Amino acid sequence: MSDRGAPNKPSQTEDEYFVREDAEKKRKLALQVKRETKEGELKALRDLHFMHCPKCGLGMQEVKYKGVDVDVCFACGGVFLDKGELEHIAAKDETKGVMSAILNWLNPEAKT
């Protein structure tokens, strides 16, 4: 047998393509659900969940990190960012490789 690698192993670009496709499908589904949900229901959901950890359900606190208010759950250690905050942190980060890849996967405008 040769050491040329597994013939069925996907390439990194192939993996990134499927991650972007999956993220795009989930984004479209979330937007559709939001459009179909009545305003009163959206307000009730926000009131019920605002500043509660999506992982454990307990309250979160805002903590400053690189000029951004990051939501932290001290109960389970979860760290959550609002839209635009990841980009702000990544812009100040010297090691942008992984952060750039994550941002590209989540960016709906980054089409191939």
PDB file of N, CA and C in Angstrom:
ATOM      1  N   MET A   1       0.832  -1.187   0.000  1.00  0.00           N
ATOM      2  CA  MET A   1       0.000   0.000   0.000  1.00  0.00           C
ATOM      3  C   MET A   1       0.870   1.241   0.000  1.00  0.00           C
ATOM      4  N   SER A   2       0.389   2.282  -0.630  1.00  0.00           N
ATOM      5  CA  SER A   2       1.163   3.516  -0.674  1.00  0.00           C
ATOM      6  C   SER A   2       0.694   4.461   0.418  1.00  0.00           C
ATOM      7  N   ASP A   3       1.565   5.427   0.730  1.00  0.00           N
ATOM      8  CA  ASP A   3       1.253   6.423   1.758  1.00  0.00           C
ATOM      9  C   ASP A   3       0.714   7.708   1.140  1.00  0.00           C
ATOM     10  N   ARG A   4       0.015   7.631   0.068  1.00  0.00           N
ATOM     11  CA  ARG A   4      -0.494   8.827  -0.616  1.00  0.00           C
ATOM     12  C   ARG A   4      -1.722   9.417   0.063  1.00  0.00           C
ATOM     13  N   GLY A   5      -2.204   8.809   1.095  1.00  0.00           N
ATOM     14  CA  GLY A   5      -3.377   9.330   1.798  1.00  0.00           C
ATOM     15  C   GLY A   5      -4.619   8.560   1.400  1.00  0.00           C
ATOM     16  N   ALA A   6      -5.643   8.706   2.219  1.00  0.00           N
ATOM     17  CA  ALA A   6      -6.907   8.026   1.962  1.00  0.00           C
ATOM     18  C   ALA A   6      -7.595   8.661   0.756  1.00  0.00           C
ATOM     19  N   PRO A   7      -8.061   7.862  -0.190  1.00  0.00           N
ATOM     20  CA  PRO A   7      -8.682   8.425  -1.388  1.00  0.00           C
ATOM     21  C   PRO A   7     -10.000   9.140  -1.105  1.00  0.00           C
ATOM     22  N   ASN A   8     -10.662   8.818  -0.013  1.00  0.00           N
ATOM     23  CA  ASN A   8     -11.961   9.432   0.290  1.00  0.00           C
ATOM     24  C   ASN A   8     -11.860  10.602   1.267  1.00  0.00           C
ATOM     25  N   LYS A   9     -10.644  10.969   1.658  1.00  0.00           N
ATOM     26  CA  LYS A   9     -10.486  12.058   2.611  1.00  0.00           C
ATOM     27  C   LYS A   9     -10.742  13.392   1.906  1.00  0.00           C
ATOM     28  N   PRO A  10     -11.691  14.210   2.420  1.00  0.00           N
ATOM     29  CA  PRO A  10     -11.978  15.490   1.772  1.00  0.00           C
ATOM     30  C   PRO A  10     -10.838  16.479   1.991  1.00  0.00           C
ATOM     31  N   SER A  11     -10.650  17.362   1.031  1.00  0.00           N
ATOM     32  CA  SER A  11      -9.626  18.396   1.152  1.00  0.00           C
ATOM     33  C   SER A  11     -10.120  19.502   2.081  1.00  0.00           C
ATOM     34  N   GLN A  12      -9.211  20.369   2.493  1.00  0.00           N
ATOM     35  CA  GLN A  12      -9.586  21.475   3.377  1.00  0.00           C
ATOM     36  C   GLN A  12     -10.581  22.400   2.691  1.00  0.00           C
ATOM     37  N   THR A  13     -10.374  22.675   1.395  1.00  0.00           N
ATOM     38  CA  THR A  13     -11.312  23.550   0.676  1.00  0.00           C
ATOM     39  C   THR A  13     -12.676  22.903   0.554  1.00  0.00           C
ATOM     40  N   GLU A  14     -12.691  21.592   0.399  1.00  0.00           N
ATOM     41  CA  GLU A  14     -13.965  20.877   0.328  1.00  0.00           C
ATOM     42  C   GLU A  14     -14.687  20.966   1.672  1.00  0.00           C
ATOM     43  N   ASP A  15     -13.944  20.780   2.770  1.00  0.00           N
ATOM     44  CA  ASP A  15     -14.529  20.919   4.108  1.00  0.00           C
ATOM     45  C   ASP A  15     -15.098  22.320   4.307  1.00  0.00           C
ATOM     46  N   GLU A  16     -14.336  23.338   3.914  1.00  0.00           N
ATOM     47  CA  GLU A  16     -14.794  24.719   4.062  1.00  0.00           C
ATOM     48  C   GLU A  16     -16.050  24.975   3.239  1.00  0.00           C
ATOM     49  N   TYR A  17     -16.125  24.403   2.051  1.00  0.00           N
ATOM     50  CA  TYR A  17     -17.307  24.556   1.198  1.00  0.00           C
ATOM     51  C   TYR A  17     -18.541  24.016   1.921  1.00  0.00           C
ATOM     52  N   PHE A  18     -18.434  22.812   2.487  1.00  0.00           N
ATOM     53  CA  PHE A  18     -19.589  22.212   3.156  1.00  0.00           C
ATOM     54  C   PHE A  18     -19.956  22.972   4.428  1.00  0.00           C
ATOM     55  N   VAL A  19     -18.966  23.507   5.133  1.00  0.00           N
ATOM     56  CA  VAL A  19     -19.257  24.312   6.320  1.00  0.00           C
ATOM     57  C   VAL A  19     -20.007  25.574   5.915  1.00  0.00           C
ATOM     58  N   ARG A  20     -19.552  26.242   4.833  1.00  0.00           N
ATOM     59  CA  ARG A  20     -20.242  27.450   4.353  1.00  0.00           C
ATOM     60  C   ARG A  20     -21.661  27.130   3.895  1.00  0.00           C
ATOM     61  N   GLU A  21     -21.829  26.035   3.165  1.00  0.00           N
ATOM     62  CA  GLU A  21     -23.167  25.644   2.704  1.00  0.00           C
ATOM     63  C   GLU A  21     -24.097  25.374   3.880  1.00  0.00           C
ATOM     64  N   ASP A  22     -23.592  24.668   4.892  1.00  0.00           N
ATOM     65  CA  ASP A  22     -24.391  24.355   6.075  1.00  0.00           C
ATOM     66  C   ASP A  22     -24.769  25.635   6.820  1.00  0.00           C
ATOM     67  N   ALA A  23     -23.807  26.546   6.976  1.00  0.00           N
ATOM     68  CA  ALA A  23     -24.080  27.814   7.659  1.00  0.00           C
ATOM     69  C   ALA A  23     -25.118  28.620   6.894  1.00  0.00           C
ATOM     70  N   GLU A  24     -25.033  28.634   5.560  1.00  0.00           N
ATOM     71  CA  GLU A  24     -25.993  29.379   4.739  1.00  0.00           C
ATOM     72  C   GLU A  24     -27.400  28.796   4.873  1.00  0.00           C
ATOM     73  N   LYS A  25     -27.515  27.478   4.874  1.00  0.00           N
ATOM     74  CA  LYS A  25     -28.833  26.840   5.046  1.00  0.00           C
ATOM     75  C   LYS A  25     -29.428  27.196   6.401  1.00  0.00           C
ATOM     76  N   LYS A  26     -28.603  27.156   7.449  1.00  0.00           N
ATOM     77  CA  LYS A  26     -29.081  27.464   8.801  1.00  0.00           C
ATOM     78  C   LYS A  26     -29.464  28.939   8.908  1.00  0.00           C
ATOM     79  N   ARG A  27     -28.709  29.830   8.261  1.00  0.00           N
ATOM     80  CA  ARG A  27     -29.027  31.262   8.276  1.00  0.00           C
ATOM     81  C   ARG A  27     -30.369  31.517   7.609  1.00  0.00           C
ATOM     82  N   LYS A  28     -30.594  30.899   6.438  1.00  0.00           N
ATOM     83  CA  LYS A  28     -31.860  31.079   5.719  1.00  0.00           C
ATOM     84  C   LYS A  28     -33.031  30.537   6.526  1.00  0.00           C
ATOM     85  N   LEU A  29     -32.845  29.392   7.173  1.00  0.00           N
ATOM     86  CA  LEU A  29     -33.909  28.810   7.991  1.00  0.00           C
ATOM     87  C   LEU A  29     -34.241  29.727   9.167  1.00  0.00           C
ATOM     88  N   ALA A  30     -33.230  30.269   9.827  1.00  0.00           N
ATOM     89  CA  ALA A  30     -33.459  31.164  10.959  1.00  0.00           C
ATOM     90  C   ALA A  30     -34.199  32.421  10.524  1.00  0.00           C
ATOM     91  N   LEU A  31     -33.824  32.978   9.375  1.00  0.00           N
ATOM     92  CA  LEU A  31     -34.522  34.165   8.865  1.00  0.00           C
ATOM     93  C   LEU A  31     -35.972  33.852   8.526  1.00  0.00           C
ATOM     94  N   GLN A  32     -36.224  32.680   7.972  1.00  0.00           N
ATOM     95  CA  GLN A  32     -37.593  32.278   7.644  1.00  0.00           C
ATOM     96  C   GLN A  32     -38.426  32.139   8.919  1.00  0.00           C
ATOM     97  N   VAL A  33     -37.869  31.506   9.944  1.00  0.00           N
ATOM     98  CA  VAL A  33     -38.586  31.347  11.208  1.00  0.00           C
ATOM     99  C   VAL A  33     -38.871  32.715  11.819  1.00  0.00           C
ATOM    100  N   LYS A  34     -37.888  33.624  11.755  1.00  0.00           N
ATOM    101  CA  LYS A  34     -38.086  34.959  12.310  1.00  0.00           C
ATOM    102  C   LYS A  34     -39.201  35.698  11.575  1.00  0.00           C
ATOM    103  N   ARG A  35     -39.237  35.587  10.237  1.00  0.00           N
ATOM    104  CA  ARG A  35     -40.298  36.243   9.455  1.00  0.00           C
ATOM    105  C   ARG A  35     -41.670  35.692   9.803  1.00  0.00           C
ATOM    106  N   GLU A  36     -41.742  34.392  10.081  1.00  0.00           N
ATOM    107  CA  GLU A  36     -43.027  33.739  10.335  1.00  0.00           C
ATOM    108  C   GLU A  36     -43.495  33.880  11.777  1.00  0.00           C
ATOM    109  N   THR A  37     -42.621  34.362  12.653  1.00  0.00           N
ATOM    110  CA  THR A  37     -42.978  34.504  14.061  1.00  0.00           C
ATOM    111  C   THR A  37     -43.548  35.903  14.291  1.00  0.00           C
ATOM    112  N   LYS A  38     -44.674  35.968  14.957  1.00  0.00           N
ATOM    113  CA  LYS A  38     -45.343  37.243  15.214  1.00  0.00           C
ATOM    114  C   LYS A  38     -44.504  38.107  16.160  1.00  0.00           C
ATOM    115  N   GLU A  39     -44.666  39.427  16.025  1.00  0.00           N
ATOM    116  CA  GLU A  39     -43.877  40.377  16.800  1.00  0.00           C
ATOM    117  C   GLU A  39     -44.023  40.154  18.306  1.00  0.00           C
ATOM    118  N   GLY A  40     -45.239  39.896  18.767  1.00  0.00           N
ATOM    119  CA  GLY A  40     -45.464  39.657  20.196  1.00  0.00           C
ATOM    120  C   GLY A  40     -44.723  38.421  20.694  1.00  0.00           C
ATOM    121  N   GLU A  41     -44.698  37.379  19.868  1.00  0.00           N
ATOM    122  CA  GLU A  41     -43.972  36.159  20.242  1.00  0.00           C
ATOM    123  C   GLU A  41     -42.475  36.413  20.300  1.00  0.00           C
ATOM    124  N   LEU A  42     -41.964  37.211  19.350  1.00  0.00           N
ATOM    125  CA  LEU A  42     -40.535  37.541  19.355  1.00  0.00           C
ATOM    126  C   LEU A  42     -40.159  38.317  20.615  1.00  0.00           C
ATOM    127  N   LYS A  43     -41.028  39.269  21.021  1.00  0.00           N
ATOM    128  CA  LYS A  43     -40.765  40.043  22.235  1.00  0.00           C
ATOM    129  C   LYS A  43     -40.788  39.142  23.464  1.00  0.00           C
ATOM    130  N   ALA A  44     -41.744  38.223  23.518  1.00  0.00           N
ATOM    131  CA  ALA A  44     -41.831  37.302  24.661  1.00  0.00           C
ATOM    132  C   ALA A  44     -40.586  36.416  24.730  1.00  0.00           C
ATOM    133  N   LEU A  45     -40.121  35.946  23.578  1.00  0.00           N
ATOM    134  CA  LEU A  45     -38.903  35.125  23.556  1.00  0.00           C
ATOM    135  C   LEU A  45     -37.689  35.921  24.023  1.00  0.00           C
ATOM    136  N   ARG A  46     -37.602  37.159  23.542  1.00  0.00           N
ATOM    137  CA  ARG A  46     -36.471  38.003  23.949  1.00  0.00           C
ATOM    138  C   ARG A  46     -36.510  38.244  25.455  1.00  0.00           C
ATOM    139  N   ASP A  47     -37.681  38.577  25.988  1.00  0.00           N
ATOM    140  CA  ASP A  47     -37.802  38.822  27.425  1.00  0.00           C
ATOM    141  C   ASP A  47     -37.441  37.575  28.232  1.00  0.00           C
ATOM    142  N   LEU A  48     -37.800  36.420  27.724  1.00  0.00           N
ATOM    143  CA  LEU A  48     -37.537  35.159  28.420  1.00  0.00           C
ATOM    144  C   LEU A  48     -36.058  34.782  28.390  1.00  0.00           C
ATOM    145  N   HIS A  49     -35.386  35.047  27.273  1.00  0.00           N
ATOM    146  CA  HIS A  49     -34.023  34.555  27.074  1.00  0.00           C
ATOM    147  C   HIS A  49     -32.920  35.598  27.170  1.00  0.00           C
ATOM    148  N   PHE A  50     -33.249  36.886  27.171  1.00  0.00           N
ATOM    149  CA  PHE A  50     -32.236  37.933  27.127  1.00  0.00           C
ATOM    150  C   PHE A  50     -31.250  37.801  28.278  1.00  0.00           C
ATOM    151  N   MET A  51     -29.967  37.774  27.935  1.00  0.00           N
ATOM    152  CA  MET A  51     -28.849  37.663  28.870  1.00  0.00           C
ATOM    153  C   MET A  51     -28.905  36.387  29.718  1.00  0.00           C
ATOM    154  N   HIS A  52     -29.483  35.336  29.138  1.00  0.00           N
ATOM    155  CA  HIS A  52     -29.426  34.007  29.737  1.00  0.00           C
ATOM    156  C   HIS A  52     -28.572  33.126  28.831  1.00  0.00           C
ATOM    157  N   CYS A  53     -27.740  32.330  29.422  1.00  0.00           N
ATOM    158  CA  CYS A  53     -26.821  31.479  28.678  1.00  0.00           C
ATOM    159  C   CYS A  53     -27.593  30.463  27.838  1.00  0.00           C
ATOM    160  N   PRO A  54     -27.301  30.370  26.541  1.00  0.00           N
ATOM    161  CA  PRO A  54     -27.980  29.379  25.707  1.00  0.00           C
ATOM    162  C   PRO A  54     -27.532  27.949  25.998  1.00  0.00           C
ATOM    163  N   LYS A  55     -26.446  27.809  26.719  1.00  0.00           N
ATOM    164  CA  LYS A  55     -25.935  26.473  27.037  1.00  0.00           C
ATOM    165  C   LYS A  55     -26.535  25.923  28.331  1.00  0.00           C
ATOM    166  N   CYS A  56     -26.524  26.740  29.411  1.00  0.00           N
ATOM    167  CA  CYS A  56     -27.013  26.228  30.703  1.00  0.00           C
ATOM    168  C   CYS A  56     -28.244  26.967  31.219  1.00  0.00           C
ATOM    169  N   GLY A  57     -28.593  28.118  30.622  1.00  0.00           N
ATOM    170  CA  GLY A  57     -29.796  28.837  31.000  1.00  0.00           C
ATOM    171  C   GLY A  57     -29.643  29.841  32.130  1.00  0.00           C
ATOM    172  N   LEU A  58     -28.495  29.886  32.778  1.00  0.00           N
ATOM    173  CA  LEU A  58     -28.302  30.839  33.871  1.00  0.00           C
ATOM    174  C   LEU A  58     -27.931  32.213  33.325  1.00  0.00           C
ATOM    175  N   GLY A  59     -27.930  33.205  34.201  1.00  0.00           N
ATOM    176  CA  GLY A  59     -27.659  34.578  33.786  1.00  0.00           C
ATOM    177  C   GLY A  59     -26.224  34.796  33.327  1.00  0.00           C
ATOM    178  N   MET A  60     -26.069  35.711  32.361  1.00  0.00           N
ATOM    179  CA  MET A  60     -24.745  36.054  31.858  1.00  0.00           C
ATOM    180  C   MET A  60     -24.393  37.478  32.280  1.00  0.00           C
ATOM    181  N   GLN A  61     -23.108  37.798  32.246  1.00  0.00           N
ATOM    182  CA  GLN A  61     -22.611  39.124  32.571  1.00  0.00           C
ATOM    183  C   GLN A  61     -21.789  39.639  31.402  1.00  0.00           C
ATOM    184  N   GLU A  62     -21.798  40.964  31.205  1.00  0.00           N
ATOM    185  CA  GLU A  62     -20.963  41.563  30.169  1.00  0.00           C
ATOM    186  C   GLU A  62     -19.584  41.852  30.748  1.00  0.00           C
ATOM    187  N   VAL A  63     -18.552  41.497  29.966  1.00  0.00           N
ATOM    188  CA  VAL A  63     -17.167  41.730  30.344  1.00  0.00           C
ATOM    189  C   VAL A  63     -16.475  42.391  29.158  1.00  0.00           C
ATOM    190  N   LYS A  64     -15.674  43.413  29.403  1.00  0.00           N
ATOM    191  CA  LYS A  64     -14.921  44.087  28.342  1.00  0.00           C
ATOM    192  C   LYS A  64     -13.748  43.209  27.927  1.00  0.00           C
ATOM    193  N   TYR A  65     -13.601  42.992  26.595  1.00  0.00           N
ATOM    194  CA  TYR A  65     -12.464  42.262  26.045  1.00  0.00           C
ATOM    195  C   TYR A  65     -12.074  42.929  24.743  1.00  0.00           C
ATOM    196  N   LYS A  66     -10.885  43.508  24.693  1.00  0.00           N
ATOM    197  CA  LYS A  66     -10.376  44.202  23.509  1.00  0.00           C
ATOM    198  C   LYS A  66     -11.374  45.239  22.986  1.00  0.00           C
ATOM    199  N   GLY A  67     -11.993  45.979  23.916  1.00  0.00           N
ATOM    200  CA  GLY A  67     -12.914  47.043  23.536  1.00  0.00           C
ATOM    201  C   GLY A  67     -14.315  46.583  23.184  1.00  0.00           C
ATOM    202  N   VAL A  68     -14.630  45.316  23.449  1.00  0.00           N
ATOM    203  CA  VAL A  68     -15.938  44.753  23.105  1.00  0.00           C
ATOM    204  C   VAL A  68     -16.601  44.233  24.375  1.00  0.00           C
ATOM    205  N   ASP A  69     -17.913  44.444  24.493  1.00  0.00           N
ATOM    206  CA  ASP A  69     -18.673  43.856  25.603  1.00  0.00           C
ATOM    207  C   ASP A  69     -19.016  42.419  25.237  1.00  0.00           C
ATOM    208  N   VAL A  70     -18.317  41.492  25.860  1.00  0.00           N
ATOM    209  CA  VAL A  70     -18.511  40.065  25.598  1.00  0.00           C
ATOM    210  C   VAL A  70     -19.438  39.518  26.675  1.00  0.00           C
ATOM    211  N   ASP A  71     -20.413  38.692  26.279  1.00  0.00           N
ATOM    212  CA  ASP A  71     -21.332  38.074  27.233  1.00  0.00           C
ATOM    213  C   ASP A  71     -20.703  36.784  27.741  1.00  0.00           C
ATOM    214  N   VAL A  72     -20.548  36.691  29.087  1.00  0.00           N
ATOM    215  CA  VAL A  72     -19.886  35.542  29.700  1.00  0.00           C
ATOM    216  C   VAL A  72     -20.825  34.892  30.704  1.00  0.00           C
ATOM    217  N   CYS A  73     -20.887  33.567  30.663  1.00  0.00           N
ATOM    218  CA  CYS A  73     -21.621  32.808  31.665  1.00  0.00           C
ATOM    219  C   CYS A  73     -20.593  32.248  32.635  1.00  0.00           C
ATOM    220  N   PHE A  74     -20.594  32.750  33.851  1.00  0.00           N
ATOM    221  CA  PHE A  74     -19.625  32.283  34.836  1.00  0.00           C
ATOM    222  C   PHE A  74     -20.014  30.927  35.408  1.00  0.00           C
ATOM    223  N   ALA A  75     -21.235  30.485  35.171  1.00  0.00           N
ATOM    224  CA  ALA A  75     -21.671  29.180  35.663  1.00  0.00           C
ATOM    225  C   ALA A  75     -21.065  28.031  34.849  1.00  0.00           C
ATOM    226  N   CYS A  76     -21.095  28.152  33.509  1.00  0.00           N
ATOM    227  CA  CYS A  76     -20.588  27.057  32.670  1.00  0.00           C
ATOM    228  C   CYS A  76     -19.338  27.436  31.878  1.00  0.00           C
ATOM    229  N   GLY A  77     -18.967  28.721  31.926  1.00  0.00           N
ATOM    230  CA  GLY A  77     -17.774  29.173  31.218  1.00  0.00           C
ATOM    231  C   GLY A  77     -18.014  29.556  29.770  1.00  0.00           C
ATOM    232  N   GLY A  78     -19.267  29.616  29.339  1.00  0.00           N
ATOM    233  CA  GLY A  78     -19.576  29.983  27.964  1.00  0.00           C
ATOM    234  C   GLY A  78     -19.252  31.447  27.689  1.00  0.00           C
ATOM    235  N   VAL A  79     -18.777  31.709  26.481  1.00  0.00           N
ATOM    236  CA  VAL A  79     -18.473  33.063  26.038  1.00  0.00           C
ATOM    237  C   VAL A  79     -19.228  33.287  24.738  1.00  0.00           C
ATOM    238  N   PHE A  80     -19.995  34.377  24.668  1.00  0.00           N
ATOM    239  CA  PHE A  80     -20.862  34.610  23.527  1.00  0.00           C
ATOM    240  C   PHE A  80     -20.661  36.010  22.990  1.00  0.00           C
ATOM    241  N   LEU A  81     -20.655  36.116  21.661  1.00  0.00           N
ATOM    242  CA  LEU A  81     -20.428  37.384  20.980  1.00  0.00           C
ATOM    243  C   LEU A  81     -21.645  37.756  20.151  1.00  0.00           C
ATOM    244  N   ASP A  82     -21.943  39.052  20.113  1.00  0.00           N
ATOM    245  CA  ASP A  82     -23.000  39.560  19.255  1.00  0.00           C
ATOM    246  C   ASP A  82     -22.430  39.817  17.867  1.00  0.00           C
ATOM    247  N   LYS A  83     -23.314  40.053  16.909  1.00  0.00           N
ATOM    248  CA  LYS A  83     -22.898  40.311  15.537  1.00  0.00           C
ATOM    249  C   LYS A  83     -21.912  41.476  15.494  1.00  0.00           C
ATOM    250  N   GLY A  84     -20.832  41.282  14.778  1.00  0.00           N
ATOM    251  CA  GLY A  84     -19.817  42.306  14.614  1.00  0.00           C
ATOM    252  C   GLY A  84     -18.708  42.271  15.653  1.00  0.00           C
ATOM    253  N   GLU A  85     -18.956  41.646  16.796  1.00  0.00           N
ATOM    254  CA  GLU A  85     -17.951  41.623  17.848  1.00  0.00           C
ATOM    255  C   GLU A  85     -16.775  40.707  17.506  1.00  0.00           C
ATOM    256  N   LEU A  86     -17.034  39.599  16.861  1.00  0.00           N
ATOM    257  CA  LEU A  86     -15.952  38.698  16.472  1.00  0.00           C
ATOM    258  C   LEU A  86     -15.024  39.386  15.474  1.00  0.00           C
ATOM    259  N   GLU A  87     -15.602  40.120  14.526  1.00  0.00           N
ATOM    260  CA  GLU A  87     -14.802  40.856  13.557  1.00  0.00           C
ATOM    261  C   GLU A  87     -13.929  41.892  14.246  1.00  0.00           C
ATOM    262  N   HIS A  88     -14.503  42.584  15.239  1.00  0.00           N
ATOM    263  CA  HIS A  88     -13.763  43.608  15.981  1.00  0.00           C
ATOM    264  C   HIS A  88     -12.578  42.987  16.720  1.00  0.00           C
ATOM    265  N   ILE A  89     -12.802  41.871  17.374  1.00  0.00           N
ATOM    266  CA  ILE A  89     -11.726  41.189  18.099  1.00  0.00           C
ATOM    267  C   ILE A  89     -10.686  40.655  17.120  1.00  0.00           C
ATOM    268  N   ALA A  90     -11.131  40.076  16.016  1.00  0.00           N
ATOM    269  CA  ALA A  90     -10.206  39.510  15.026  1.00  0.00           C
ATOM    270  C   ALA A  90      -9.335  40.598  14.412  1.00  0.00           C
ATOM    271  N   ALA A  91      -9.885  41.797  14.233  1.00  0.00           N
ATOM    272  CA  ALA A  91      -9.115  42.893  13.651  1.00  0.00           C
ATOM    273  C   ALA A  91      -7.965  43.305  14.557  1.00  0.00           C
ATOM    274  N   LYS A  92      -8.124  43.130  15.861  1.00  0.00           N
ATOM    275  CA  LYS A  92      -7.079  43.492  16.819  1.00  0.00           C
ATOM    276  C   LYS A  92      -6.151  42.314  17.112  1.00  0.00           C
ATOM    277  N   ASP A  93      -6.463  41.152  16.577  1.00  0.00           N
ATOM    278  CA  ASP A  93      -5.697  39.945  16.865  1.00  0.00           C
ATOM    279  C   ASP A  93      -4.570  39.781  15.848  1.00  0.00           C
ATOM    280  N   GLU A  94      -3.382  39.494  16.314  1.00  0.00           N
ATOM    281  CA  GLU A  94      -2.228  39.302  15.431  1.00  0.00           C
ATOM    282  C   GLU A  94      -2.335  37.992  14.654  1.00  0.00           C
ATOM    283  N   THR A  95      -2.964  36.979  15.238  1.00  0.00           N
ATOM    284  CA  THR A  95      -3.066  35.664  14.601  1.00  0.00           C
ATOM    285  C   THR A  95      -4.439  35.518  13.979  1.00  0.00           C
ATOM    286  N   LYS A  96      -4.611  36.022  12.766  1.00  0.00           N
ATOM    287  CA  LYS A  96      -5.919  36.081  12.126  1.00  0.00           C
ATOM    288  C   LYS A  96      -6.285  34.818  11.359  1.00  0.00           C
ATOM    289  N   GLY A  97      -5.392  33.868  11.185  1.00  0.00           N
ATOM    290  CA  GLY A  97      -5.646  32.708  10.344  1.00  0.00           C
ATOM    291  C   GLY A  97      -6.944  31.991  10.657  1.00  0.00           C
ATOM    292  N   VAL A  98      -7.075  31.479  11.862  1.00  0.00           N
ATOM    293  CA  VAL A  98      -8.265  30.722  12.253  1.00  0.00           C
ATOM    294  C   VAL A  98      -9.480  31.640  12.326  1.00  0.00           C
ATOM    295  N   MET A  99      -9.304  32.834  12.886  1.00  0.00           N
ATOM    296  CA  MET A  99     -10.417  33.768  13.013  1.00  0.00           C
ATOM    297  C   MET A  99     -10.962  34.153  11.641  1.00  0.00           C
ATOM    298  N   SER A 100     -10.075  34.394  10.678  1.00  0.00           N
ATOM    299  CA  SER A 100     -10.523  34.753   9.327  1.00  0.00           C
ATOM    300  C   SER A 100     -11.329  33.630   8.700  1.00  0.00           C
ATOM    301  N   ALA A 101     -10.879  32.398   8.895  1.00  0.00           N
ATOM    302  CA  ALA A 101     -11.599  31.253   8.339  1.00  0.00           C
ATOM    303  C   ALA A 101     -13.002  31.157   8.947  1.00  0.00           C
ATOM    304  N   ILE A 102     -13.114  31.345  10.252  1.00  0.00           N
ATOM    305  CA  ILE A 102     -14.422  31.289  10.917  1.00  0.00           C
ATOM    306  C   ILE A 102     -15.317  32.409  10.402  1.00  0.00           C
ATOM    307  N   LEU A 103     -14.762  33.616  10.293  1.00  0.00           N
ATOM    308  CA  LEU A 103     -15.555  34.750   9.799  1.00  0.00           C
ATOM    309  C   LEU A 103     -16.032  34.505   8.379  1.00  0.00           C
ATOM    310  N   ASN A 104     -15.198  33.928   7.541  1.00  0.00           N
ATOM    311  CA  ASN A 104     -15.600  33.640   6.169  1.00  0.00           C
ATOM    312  C   ASN A 104     -16.707  32.609   6.117  1.00  0.00           C
ATOM    313  N   TRP A 105     -16.694  31.627   6.998  1.00  0.00           N
ATOM    314  CA  TRP A 105     -17.753  30.611   7.012  1.00  0.00           C
ATOM    315  C   TRP A 105     -19.089  31.235   7.395  1.00  0.00           C
ATOM    316  N   LEU A 106     -19.067  32.212   8.296  1.00  0.00           N
ATOM    317  CA  LEU A 106     -20.294  32.801   8.811  1.00  0.00           C
ATOM    318  C   LEU A 106     -20.778  33.992   8.002  1.00  0.00           C
ATOM    319  N   ASN A 107     -19.969  34.467   7.072  1.00  0.00           N
ATOM    320  CA  ASN A 107     -20.313  35.653   6.301  1.00  0.00           C
ATOM    321  C   ASN A 107     -21.179  35.267   5.103  1.00  0.00           C
ATOM    322  N   PRO A 108     -22.441  35.712   5.073  1.00  0.00           N
ATOM    323  CA  PRO A 108     -23.316  35.337   3.956  1.00  0.00           C
ATOM    324  C   PRO A 108     -22.871  35.927   2.608  1.00  0.00           C
ATOM    325  N   GLU A 109     -22.083  37.012   2.641  1.00  0.00           N
ATOM    326  CA  GLU A 109     -21.618  37.613   1.394  1.00  0.00           C
ATOM    327  C   GLU A 109     -20.438  36.868   0.800  1.00  0.00           C
ATOM    328  N   ALA A 110     -19.770  36.018   1.581  1.00  0.00           N
ATOM    329  CA  ALA A 110     -18.583  35.304   1.091  1.00  0.00           C
ATOM    330  C   ALA A 110     -19.021  34.076   0.306  1.00  0.00           C
ATOM    331  N   LYS A 111     -19.359  34.284  -0.945  1.00  0.00           N
ATOM    332  CA  LYS A 111     -19.790  33.208  -1.824  1.00  0.00           C
ATOM    333  C   LYS A 111     -18.627  32.762  -2.690  1.00  0.00           C
ATOM    334  N   THR A 112     -18.586  31.487  -3.026  1.00  0.00           N
ATOM    335  CA  THR A 112     -17.533  30.993  -3.926  1.00  0.00           C
ATOM    336  C   THR A 112     -18.092  30.742  -5.288  1.00  0.00           C
TER     337      THR A 112
END
